[in-house]
């Protein structure tokens, strides 16, 4: 197993003799804020919780997530419980 090694300000992963076989059950993804360095994020947010974690940088995807509900959601208050009960009772009568 290869453990990450810190070299100054740069975070380096030692080279493997053989590339480890990934376990798809343990695979995870991270949404990293746009302005953060990927290596710094990995060092501070991932390694403390999974010290044997590693990244396959060939599979990196760069994109932007737009949370539509955050920007376009309009709250509509729920109907009063008494109105709902009246509707249900009217349906049961018919």
Protein backbone atom coordinates (compact mmCIF):
# COMPACT_ATOMS: atom_id res chain seq x y z
CA UNK A 1 0.00 0.00 0.00
CA UNK A 2 1.20 3.50 -0.74
CA UNK A 3 0.84 6.25 1.77
CA UNK A 4 0.83 9.91 0.80
CA UNK A 5 3.94 11.86 1.69
CA UNK A 6 4.10 15.61 2.25
CA UNK A 7 6.98 17.35 0.46
CA UNK A 8 7.03 21.02 1.41
CA UNK A 9 3.85 22.69 0.19
CA UNK A 10 3.29 20.00 -2.43
CA UNK A 11 1.43 16.83 -1.57
CA UNK A 12 2.99 13.87 -3.36
CA UNK A 13 1.84 10.27 -3.60
CA UNK A 14 4.65 7.77 -3.83
CA UNK A 15 4.60 5.66 -6.99
CA UNK A 16 3.30 2.12 -6.73
CA UNK A 17 5.18 -0.93 -7.85
CA UNK A 18 1.81 -2.09 -9.13
CA UNK A 19 -1.29 0.06 -9.35
CA UNK A 20 -3.71 -1.14 -6.64
CA UNK A 21 -6.95 -2.74 -7.71
CA UNK A 22 -9.78 -0.36 -6.85
CA UNK A 23 -12.61 -1.73 -4.73
CA UNK A 24 -15.82 -0.36 -6.24
CA UNK A 25 -17.63 -0.81 -2.91
CA UNK A 26 -15.29 1.75 -1.35
CA UNK A 27 -15.38 4.23 -4.24
CA UNK A 28 -16.51 7.74 -3.36
CA UNK A 29 -16.75 11.12 -5.02
CA UNK A 30 -16.07 14.59 -3.69
CA UNK A 31 -17.43 17.93 -4.83
CA UNK A 32 -14.51 20.26 -4.25
CA UNK A 33 -15.14 24.01 -4.09
CA UNK A 34 -13.94 25.70 -7.27
CA UNK A 35 -11.19 27.85 -5.73
CA UNK A 36 -9.62 25.16 -3.51
CA UNK A 37 -6.54 23.20 -4.48
CA UNK A 38 -7.42 19.53 -5.00
CA UNK A 39 -4.34 18.23 -3.19
CA UNK A 40 -4.91 20.51 -0.18
CA UNK A 41 -8.57 19.47 -0.02
CA UNK A 42 -7.59 15.80 -0.16
CA UNK A 43 -5.04 16.31 2.60
CA UNK A 44 -7.36 18.20 4.97
CA UNK A 45 -10.79 16.71 4.26
CA UNK A 46 -10.24 13.11 3.13
CA UNK A 47 -7.04 11.69 4.61
CA UNK A 48 -7.93 12.35 8.28
CA UNK A 49 -10.95 10.06 7.85
CA UNK A 50 -9.54 7.55 5.37
CA UNK A 51 -5.74 7.44 5.66
CA UNK A 52 -5.40 4.76 2.99
CA UNK A 53 -7.41 6.74 0.40
CA UNK A 54 -5.91 7.52 -2.99
CA UNK A 55 -7.00 9.42 -6.08
CA UNK A 56 -6.99 8.38 -9.71
CA UNK A 57 -6.46 11.81 -11.24
CA UNK A 58 -7.13 10.44 -14.74
CA UNK A 59 -10.83 10.28 -13.82
CA UNK A 60 -11.14 13.90 -12.66
CA UNK A 61 -14.16 15.77 -13.99
CA UNK A 62 -14.37 19.52 -13.94
CA UNK A 63 -17.80 21.06 -13.86
CA UNK A 64 -20.19 23.23 -11.99
CA UNK A 65 -23.27 22.22 -10.03
CA UNK A 66 -26.26 24.54 -10.21
CA UNK A 67 -28.71 23.88 -7.35
CA UNK A 68 -31.94 24.88 -9.10
CA UNK A 69 -34.09 24.56 -5.99
CA UNK A 70 -31.84 26.96 -4.13
CA UNK A 71 -32.31 29.68 -6.74
CA UNK A 72 -35.76 29.00 -8.20
CA UNK A 73 -37.83 27.39 -5.42
CA UNK A 74 -40.89 29.34 -4.33
CA UNK A 75 -42.49 28.28 -1.08
CA UNK A 76 -46.20 27.51 -1.26
CA UNK A 77 -47.82 27.09 2.15
CA UNK A 78 -49.63 23.82 2.77
CA UNK A 79 -53.39 23.71 2.85
CA UNK A 80 -55.15 23.77 6.19
CA UNK A 81 -55.79 20.32 7.67
CA UNK A 82 -59.54 21.02 8.00
CA UNK A 83 -59.80 21.76 4.26
CA UNK A 84 -58.02 18.50 3.43
CA UNK A 85 -60.32 16.53 5.74
CA UNK A 86 -63.40 18.11 4.11
CA UNK A 87 -62.12 17.09 0.67
CA UNK A 88 -61.50 13.52 1.84
CA UNK A 89 -64.94 13.27 3.46
CA UNK A 90 -66.56 14.63 0.28
CA UNK A 91 -64.78 11.94 -1.77
CA UNK A 92 -65.89 9.21 0.64
CA UNK A 93 -69.55 10.30 0.38
CA UNK A 94 -69.55 10.09 -3.43
